[in-house]
Amino acid sequence: MLYSYFKSPIHHHIHEYESIKIALWVPIGAIVSYYFNQIFGLGPVMGAALTGTLASFIPNINRDSDYLPQLPAAIYCGAFVGMSSSQVAHGFSFILTASVFTAIFLVISKSLLNGVGGKLGTLAFLGVSMTYLLLYLFK
């Protein structure tokens, strides 16, 4: 792991930002995943898996597009937000707020931690934690 840390290109000196048009798909993935999770009763893992699987077919709509191949990662990042328990996420407003925070984190972290596994789940965790903290402070 140390070898990978020092030899992998995860440290960047030029900071890039993810397109906001791509990050707008994070809330869509979160709401779809939460809908599968809570309303259909599929559970968090199956809800996120179904959302990610459906998102993986989006680039096949137009193979010549530069935009569509970037959407599955953003949708899958939102699917991690949708995995939230009903004890933490008290409805679609919580999921929408957490997914907006997650989308902001996705835009900011474009060139950070490239090649490191778990980035999308970590961003979703940060978005849910931030939303839960704000609700806790203001209630």
N, C-alpha and C. Protein backbone atom coordinates (compact mmCIF):
# COMPACT_ATOMS: atom_id res chain seq x y z
N MET A 1 0.83 -1.18 0.00
CA MET A 1 0.00 0.00 0.00
C MET A 1 0.88 1.25 0.00
N LEU A 2 1.96 1.23 0.75
CA LEU A 2 2.86 2.38 0.75
C LEU A 2 3.48 2.60 -0.62
N TYR A 3 3.84 1.51 -1.29
CA TYR A 3 4.40 1.62 -2.63
C TYR A 3 3.40 2.30 -3.56
N SER A 4 2.14 1.87 -3.49
CA SER A 4 1.10 2.46 -4.32
C SER A 4 0.89 3.93 -3.97
N TYR A 5 0.96 4.26 -2.70
CA TYR A 5 0.76 5.64 -2.26
C TYR A 5 1.81 6.56 -2.86
N PHE A 6 3.07 6.10 -2.87
CA PHE A 6 4.14 6.96 -3.35
C PHE A 6 4.29 6.93 -4.87
N LYS A 7 3.88 5.83 -5.51
CA LYS A 7 4.10 5.69 -6.95
C LYS A 7 2.85 5.96 -7.80
N SER A 8 1.68 5.95 -7.21
CA SER A 8 0.45 6.19 -7.98
C SER A 8 0.24 7.68 -8.20
N PRO A 9 -0.40 8.03 -9.31
CA PRO A 9 -0.64 9.44 -9.60
C PRO A 9 -1.88 9.98 -8.88
N ILE A 10 -1.89 9.90 -7.53
CA ILE A 10 -3.05 10.42 -6.80
C ILE A 10 -2.82 11.85 -6.32
N HIS A 11 -1.61 12.33 -6.42
CA HIS A 11 -1.30 13.69 -6.01
C HIS A 11 -1.23 14.57 -7.25
N HIS A 12 -2.05 15.58 -7.30
CA HIS A 12 -2.09 16.45 -8.46
C HIS A 12 -1.78 17.88 -8.04
N HIS A 13 -1.03 18.55 -8.89
CA HIS A 13 -0.68 19.94 -8.60
C HIS A 13 -1.65 20.91 -9.27
N ILE A 14 -2.34 20.42 -10.30
CA ILE A 14 -3.35 21.23 -10.99
C ILE A 14 -4.70 20.70 -10.56
N HIS A 15 -5.54 21.58 -10.04
CA HIS A 15 -6.84 21.14 -9.56
C HIS A 15 -7.88 21.33 -10.65
N GLU A 16 -8.57 20.24 -10.98
CA GLU A 16 -9.65 20.28 -11.95
C GLU A 16 -10.98 20.16 -11.23
N TYR A 17 -12.02 20.67 -11.86
CA TYR A 17 -13.36 20.60 -11.28
C TYR A 17 -14.25 19.77 -12.18
N GLU A 18 -15.08 18.94 -11.55
CA GLU A 18 -16.07 18.17 -12.29
C GLU A 18 -17.12 19.13 -12.85
N SER A 19 -17.65 18.82 -13.99
CA SER A 19 -18.68 19.66 -14.59
C SER A 19 -19.95 19.64 -13.74
N ILE A 20 -20.55 20.79 -13.59
CA ILE A 20 -21.79 20.88 -12.83
C ILE A 20 -22.91 20.13 -13.54
N LYS A 21 -22.85 20.07 -14.88
CA LYS A 21 -23.86 19.33 -15.63
C LYS A 21 -23.82 17.84 -15.30
N ILE A 22 -22.66 17.34 -14.94
CA ILE A 22 -22.54 15.93 -14.55
C ILE A 22 -22.98 15.75 -13.10
N ALA A 23 -22.61 16.68 -12.24
CA ALA A 23 -22.95 16.57 -10.82
C ALA A 23 -24.45 16.69 -10.57
N LEU A 24 -25.19 17.26 -11.49
CA LEU A 24 -26.65 17.37 -11.33
C LEU A 24 -27.32 16.00 -11.32
N TRP A 25 -26.62 14.98 -11.78
CA TRP A 25 -27.19 13.64 -11.81
C TRP A 25 -27.05 12.91 -10.48
N VAL A 26 -26.28 13.46 -9.55
CA VAL A 26 -26.14 12.85 -8.22
C VAL A 26 -27.48 12.82 -7.50
N PRO A 27 -28.24 13.92 -7.44
CA PRO A 27 -29.55 13.84 -6.78
C PRO A 27 -30.51 12.86 -7.45
N ILE A 28 -30.43 12.73 -8.75
CA ILE A 28 -31.31 11.78 -9.45
C ILE A 28 -30.98 10.36 -9.03
N GLY A 29 -29.69 10.03 -8.98
CA GLY A 29 -29.29 8.70 -8.52
C GLY A 29 -29.68 8.45 -7.08
N ALA A 30 -29.58 9.48 -6.25
CA ALA A 30 -29.93 9.33 -4.83
C ALA A 30 -31.42 9.09 -4.64
N ILE A 31 -32.24 9.83 -5.34
CA ILE A 31 -33.69 9.69 -5.20
C ILE A 31 -34.16 8.35 -5.75
N VAL A 32 -33.61 7.95 -6.89
CA VAL A 32 -33.99 6.64 -7.46
C VAL A 32 -33.59 5.51 -6.53
N SER A 33 -32.37 5.57 -6.01
CA SER A 33 -31.90 4.53 -5.10
C SER A 33 -32.71 4.50 -3.80
N TYR A 34 -33.02 5.67 -3.26
CA TYR A 34 -33.83 5.74 -2.04
C TYR A 34 -35.25 5.23 -2.30
N TYR A 35 -35.77 5.52 -3.47
CA TYR A 35 -37.09 5.02 -3.84
C TYR A 35 -37.09 3.50 -3.89
N PHE A 36 -36.08 2.91 -4.53
CA PHE A 36 -35.97 1.45 -4.57
C PHE A 36 -35.78 0.89 -3.16
N ASN A 37 -34.99 1.58 -2.35
CA ASN A 37 -34.67 1.14 -1.00
C ASN A 37 -35.89 1.18 -0.09
N GLN A 38 -36.56 2.30 -0.02
CA GLN A 38 -37.62 2.50 0.97
C GLN A 38 -39.02 2.19 0.44
N ILE A 39 -39.36 2.68 -0.73
CA ILE A 39 -40.72 2.53 -1.23
C ILE A 39 -40.97 1.12 -1.76
N PHE A 40 -40.06 0.61 -2.57
CA PHE A 40 -40.20 -0.75 -3.09
C PHE A 40 -39.75 -1.81 -2.09
N GLY A 41 -39.02 -1.39 -1.05
CA GLY A 41 -38.58 -2.32 -0.02
C GLY A 41 -37.49 -3.28 -0.46
N LEU A 42 -36.69 -2.90 -1.43
CA LEU A 42 -35.62 -3.77 -1.91
C LEU A 42 -34.42 -3.81 -0.98
N GLY A 43 -34.30 -2.84 -0.12
CA GLY A 43 -33.14 -2.75 0.75
C GLY A 43 -32.08 -1.85 0.15
N PRO A 44 -31.13 -1.43 0.96
CA PRO A 44 -30.14 -0.47 0.48
C PRO A 44 -29.19 -1.03 -0.58
N VAL A 45 -28.77 -2.26 -0.41
CA VAL A 45 -27.79 -2.82 -1.35
C VAL A 45 -28.44 -3.07 -2.71
N MET A 46 -29.60 -3.69 -2.71
CA MET A 46 -30.28 -3.96 -3.98
C MET A 46 -30.74 -2.67 -4.66
N GLY A 47 -31.17 -1.68 -3.87
CA GLY A 47 -31.58 -0.41 -4.44
C GLY A 47 -30.43 0.30 -5.14
N ALA A 48 -29.27 0.32 -4.49
CA ALA A 48 -28.10 0.95 -5.09
C ALA A 48 -27.58 0.14 -6.27
N ALA A 49 -27.63 -1.18 -6.15
CA ALA A 49 -27.16 -2.03 -7.25
C ALA A 49 -28.03 -1.87 -8.49
N LEU A 50 -29.34 -1.81 -8.29
CA LEU A 50 -30.24 -1.64 -9.42
C LEU A 50 -30.06 -0.26 -10.06
N THR A 51 -29.89 0.75 -9.23
CA THR A 51 -29.64 2.10 -9.75
C THR A 51 -28.34 2.14 -10.55
N GLY A 52 -27.28 1.56 -10.00
CA GLY A 52 -25.99 1.53 -10.71
C GLY A 52 -26.04 0.74 -12.00
N THR A 53 -26.78 -0.37 -11.97
CA THR A 53 -26.90 -1.18 -13.18
C THR A 53 -27.65 -0.44 -14.27
N LEU A 54 -28.75 0.20 -13.90
CA LEU A 54 -29.49 0.98 -14.89
C LEU A 54 -28.66 2.14 -15.43
N ALA A 55 -27.88 2.77 -14.55
CA ALA A 55 -27.02 3.89 -14.98
C ALA A 55 -25.93 3.43 -15.94
N SER A 56 -25.50 2.19 -15.81
CA SER A 56 -24.41 1.71 -16.67
C SER A 56 -24.83 1.59 -18.13
N PHE A 57 -26.12 1.58 -18.40
CA PHE A 57 -26.59 1.48 -19.78
C PHE A 57 -26.76 2.84 -20.45
N ILE A 58 -26.63 3.92 -19.72
CA ILE A 58 -26.83 5.26 -20.28
C ILE A 58 -25.85 5.57 -21.42
N PRO A 59 -24.56 5.22 -21.32
CA PRO A 59 -23.67 5.53 -22.45
C PRO A 59 -24.05 4.83 -23.75
N ASN A 60 -24.84 3.76 -23.69
CA ASN A 60 -25.25 3.06 -24.90
C ASN A 60 -26.31 3.82 -25.69
N ILE A 61 -26.90 4.85 -25.10
CA ILE A 61 -27.91 5.64 -25.81
C ILE A 61 -27.29 6.32 -27.02
N ASN A 62 -26.13 6.91 -26.82
CA ASN A 62 -25.40 7.57 -27.91
C ASN A 62 -23.92 7.33 -27.69
N ARG A 63 -23.36 6.41 -28.42
CA ARG A 63 -21.95 6.04 -28.23
C ARG A 63 -20.98 7.13 -28.65
N ASP A 64 -21.41 8.08 -29.44
CA ASP A 64 -20.53 9.16 -29.89
C ASP A 64 -20.50 10.34 -28.94
N SER A 65 -21.33 10.31 -27.91
CA SER A 65 -21.41 11.43 -26.96
C SER A 65 -20.22 11.42 -26.00
N ASP A 66 -19.73 12.61 -25.69
CA ASP A 66 -18.69 12.75 -24.67
C ASP A 66 -19.29 12.93 -23.28
N TYR A 67 -20.57 13.31 -23.24
CA TYR A 67 -21.25 13.61 -21.97
C TYR A 67 -21.81 12.36 -21.30
N LEU A 68 -22.47 11.51 -22.05
CA LEU A 68 -23.16 10.35 -21.48
C LEU A 68 -22.24 9.36 -20.77
N PRO A 69 -21.03 9.09 -21.22
CA PRO A 69 -20.19 8.14 -20.50
C PRO A 69 -19.76 8.61 -19.10
N GLN A 70 -19.92 9.88 -18.81
CA GLN A 70 -19.53 10.40 -17.51
C GLN A 70 -20.66 10.32 -16.48
N LEU A 71 -21.87 10.04 -16.91
CA LEU A 71 -23.03 10.05 -16.02
C LEU A 71 -23.11 8.86 -15.05
N PRO A 72 -22.74 7.64 -15.45
CA PRO A 72 -22.91 6.52 -14.51
C PRO A 72 -22.19 6.71 -13.18
N ALA A 73 -21.02 7.30 -13.17
CA ALA A 73 -20.29 7.50 -11.91
C ALA A 73 -21.04 8.48 -11.00
N ALA A 74 -21.58 9.54 -11.57
CA ALA A 74 -22.32 10.52 -10.77
C ALA A 74 -23.61 9.91 -10.23
N ILE A 75 -24.29 9.13 -11.05
CA ILE A 75 -25.53 8.49 -10.61
C ILE A 75 -25.22 7.47 -9.52
N TYR A 76 -24.14 6.72 -9.70
CA TYR A 76 -23.78 5.71 -8.70
C TYR A 76 -23.35 6.37 -7.39
N CYS A 77 -22.72 7.53 -7.47
CA CYS A 77 -22.38 8.28 -6.26
C CYS A 77 -23.66 8.67 -5.52
N GLY A 78 -24.66 9.09 -6.26
CA GLY A 78 -25.95 9.40 -5.65
C GLY A 78 -26.62 8.17 -5.08
N ALA A 79 -26.40 7.02 -5.70
CA ALA A 79 -26.99 5.77 -5.20
C ALA A 79 -26.49 5.45 -3.80
N PHE A 80 -25.25 5.82 -3.52
CA PHE A 80 -24.73 5.62 -2.17
C PHE A 80 -25.47 6.49 -1.15
N VAL A 81 -25.86 7.68 -1.55
CA VAL A 81 -26.65 8.53 -0.67
C VAL A 81 -28.01 7.89 -0.42
N GLY A 82 -28.60 7.32 -1.46
CA GLY A 82 -29.89 6.67 -1.36
C GLY A 82 -29.90 5.42 -0.50
N MET A 83 -28.73 4.92 -0.15
CA MET A 83 -28.64 3.74 0.72
C MET A 83 -28.88 4.08 2.18
N SER A 84 -29.09 5.34 2.49
CA SER A 84 -29.25 5.77 3.88
C SER A 84 -30.44 5.10 4.54
N SER A 85 -30.28 4.80 5.80
CA SER A 85 -31.33 4.18 6.59
C SER A 85 -32.45 5.16 6.85
N SER A 86 -33.66 4.65 7.04
CA SER A 86 -34.78 5.52 7.34
C SER A 86 -34.66 6.14 8.73
N GLN A 87 -33.79 5.58 9.58
CA GLN A 87 -33.55 6.18 10.89
C GLN A 87 -32.67 7.42 10.79
N VAL A 88 -31.89 7.50 9.74
CA VAL A 88 -31.04 8.67 9.51
C VAL A 88 -31.71 9.63 8.54
N ALA A 89 -32.15 9.11 7.42
CA ALA A 89 -32.80 9.91 6.39
C ALA A 89 -34.30 9.87 6.60
N HIS A 90 -34.87 10.98 6.95
CA HIS A 90 -36.28 11.04 7.29
C HIS A 90 -37.15 11.45 6.11
N GLY A 91 -36.81 11.01 4.93
CA GLY A 91 -37.63 11.31 3.77
C GLY A 91 -36.84 11.83 2.60
N PHE A 92 -37.56 12.16 1.56
CA PHE A 92 -36.93 12.60 0.32
C PHE A 92 -36.25 13.96 0.45
N SER A 93 -36.71 14.81 1.35
CA SER A 93 -36.05 16.12 1.52
C SER A 93 -34.65 15.95 2.08
N PHE A 94 -34.49 15.02 3.01
CA PHE A 94 -33.15 14.74 3.55
C PHE A 94 -32.25 14.20 2.44
N ILE A 95 -32.75 13.25 1.66
CA ILE A 95 -31.96 12.66 0.59
C ILE A 95 -31.58 13.70 -0.45
N LEU A 96 -32.51 14.57 -0.78
CA LEU A 96 -32.22 15.62 -1.77
C LEU A 96 -31.16 16.57 -1.25
N THR A 97 -31.26 16.97 0.01
CA THR A 97 -30.26 17.87 0.59
C THR A 97 -28.89 17.20 0.66
N ALA A 98 -28.86 15.95 1.12
CA ALA A 98 -27.59 15.22 1.21
C ALA A 98 -26.97 15.02 -0.16
N SER A 99 -27.80 14.78 -1.16
CA SER A 99 -27.26 14.57 -2.51
C SER A 99 -26.74 15.87 -3.11
N VAL A 100 -27.31 17.00 -2.74
CA VAL A 100 -26.78 18.28 -3.21
C VAL A 100 -25.40 18.53 -2.60
N PHE A 101 -25.26 18.26 -1.30
CA PHE A 101 -23.93 18.37 -0.68
C PHE A 101 -22.94 17.41 -1.34
N THR A 102 -23.38 16.20 -1.62
CA THR A 102 -22.51 15.22 -2.26
C THR A 102 -22.12 15.68 -3.66
N ALA A 103 -23.05 16.27 -4.39
CA ALA A 103 -22.73 16.80 -5.72
C ALA A 103 -21.69 17.91 -5.65
N ILE A 104 -21.80 18.75 -4.64
CA ILE A 104 -20.80 19.82 -4.45
C ILE A 104 -19.43 19.20 -4.17
N PHE A 105 -19.40 18.20 -3.31
CA PHE A 105 -18.13 17.52 -3.02
C PHE A 105 -17.57 16.83 -4.27
N LEU A 106 -18.45 16.29 -5.11
CA LEU A 106 -17.99 15.64 -6.35
C LEU A 106 -17.37 16.65 -7.30
N VAL A 107 -17.98 17.83 -7.39
CA VAL A 107 -17.43 18.88 -8.26
C VAL A 107 -16.04 19.30 -7.78
N ILE A 108 -15.90 19.46 -6.48
CA ILE A 108 -14.63 19.94 -5.92
C ILE A 108 -13.53 18.88 -6.01
N SER A 109 -13.89 17.62 -5.89
CA SER A 109 -12.88 16.57 -5.76
C SER A 109 -12.52 15.88 -7.07
N LYS A 110 -12.71 16.53 -8.19
CA LYS A 110 -12.45 15.91 -9.50
C LYS A 110 -11.06 15.32 -9.60
N SER A 111 -10.05 16.06 -9.21
CA SER A 111 -8.68 15.58 -9.40
C SER A 111 -8.06 15.07 -8.10
N LEU A 112 -8.85 14.87 -7.08
CA LEU A 112 -8.33 14.34 -5.82
C LEU A 112 -8.62 12.85 -5.72
N LEU A 113 -7.68 12.12 -5.18
CA LEU A 113 -7.81 10.68 -4.92
C LEU A 113 -8.16 9.87 -6.15
N ASN A 114 -7.61 10.24 -7.30
CA ASN A 114 -7.80 9.43 -8.50
C ASN A 114 -7.10 8.09 -8.33
N GLY A 115 -7.79 7.04 -8.67
CA GLY A 115 -7.22 5.70 -8.56
C GLY A 115 -7.37 5.08 -7.19
N VAL A 116 -7.97 5.78 -6.26
CA VAL A 116 -8.18 5.24 -4.92
C VAL A 116 -9.63 4.77 -4.83
N GLY A 117 -9.83 3.53 -4.44
CA GLY A 117 -11.17 2.99 -4.35
C GLY A 117 -11.95 3.60 -3.20
N GLY A 118 -13.25 3.71 -3.37
CA GLY A 118 -14.12 4.21 -2.32
C GLY A 118 -14.38 5.70 -2.34
N LYS A 119 -13.95 6.37 -3.38
CA LYS A 119 -14.11 7.83 -3.43
C LYS A 119 -15.59 8.21 -3.47
N LEU A 120 -16.39 7.54 -4.28
CA LEU A 120 -17.80 7.90 -4.42
C LEU A 120 -18.56 7.64 -3.12
N GLY A 121 -18.27 6.53 -2.48
CA GLY A 121 -18.92 6.23 -1.20
C GLY A 121 -18.51 7.19 -0.11
N THR A 122 -17.25 7.60 -0.12
CA THR A 122 -16.76 8.57 0.86
C THR A 122 -17.44 9.92 0.67
N LEU A 123 -17.60 10.33 -0.59
CA LEU A 123 -18.28 11.60 -0.86
C LEU A 123 -19.74 11.54 -0.41
N ALA A 124 -20.39 10.40 -0.64
CA ALA A 124 -21.78 10.24 -0.19
C ALA A 124 -21.86 10.27 1.33
N PHE A 125 -20.91 9.62 1.99
CA PHE A 125 -20.87 9.66 3.45
C PHE A 125 -20.73 11.09 3.96
N LEU A 126 -19.87 11.87 3.32
CA LEU A 126 -19.69 13.26 3.72
C LEU A 126 -20.97 14.07 3.53
N GLY A 127 -21.67 13.85 2.41
CA GLY A 127 -22.91 14.57 2.16
C GLY A 127 -24.00 14.23 3.17
N VAL A 128 -24.13 12.94 3.49
CA VAL A 128 -25.14 12.51 4.47
C VAL A 128 -24.76 13.02 5.85
N SER A 129 -23.49 12.93 6.20
CA SER A 129 -23.04 13.39 7.51
C SER A 129 -23.23 14.89 7.67
N MET A 130 -22.94 15.64 6.64
CA MET A 130 -23.11 17.09 6.68
C MET A 130 -24.58 17.45 6.87
N THR A 131 -25.45 16.78 6.15
CA THR A 131 -26.89 17.04 6.28
C THR A 131 -27.39 16.68 7.66
N TYR A 132 -26.97 15.53 8.17
CA TYR A 132 -27.40 15.09 9.49
C TYR A 132 -26.89 16.06 10.56
N LEU A 133 -25.66 16.52 10.43
CA LEU A 133 -25.09 17.47 11.39
C LEU A 133 -25.87 18.78 11.39
N LEU A 134 -26.19 19.29 10.19
CA LEU A 134 -26.95 20.53 10.11
C LEU A 134 -28.34 20.38 10.72
N LEU A 135 -28.99 19.26 10.46
CA LEU A 135 -30.30 19.02 11.08
C LEU A 135 -30.19 18.92 12.59
N TYR A 136 -29.14 18.29 13.06
CA TYR A 136 -28.94 18.15 14.50
C TYR A 136 -28.68 19.50 15.16
N LEU A 137 -27.93 20.36 14.50
CA LEU A 137 -27.60 21.67 15.07
C LEU A 137 -28.79 22.63 15.07
N PHE A 138 -29.65 22.52 14.06
CA PHE A 138 -30.76 23.46 13.93
C PHE A 138 -32.07 22.95 14.50
N LYS A 139 -32.08 21.76 15.09
CA LYS A 139 -33.32 21.25 15.72
C LYS A 139 -33.21 21.29 17.20
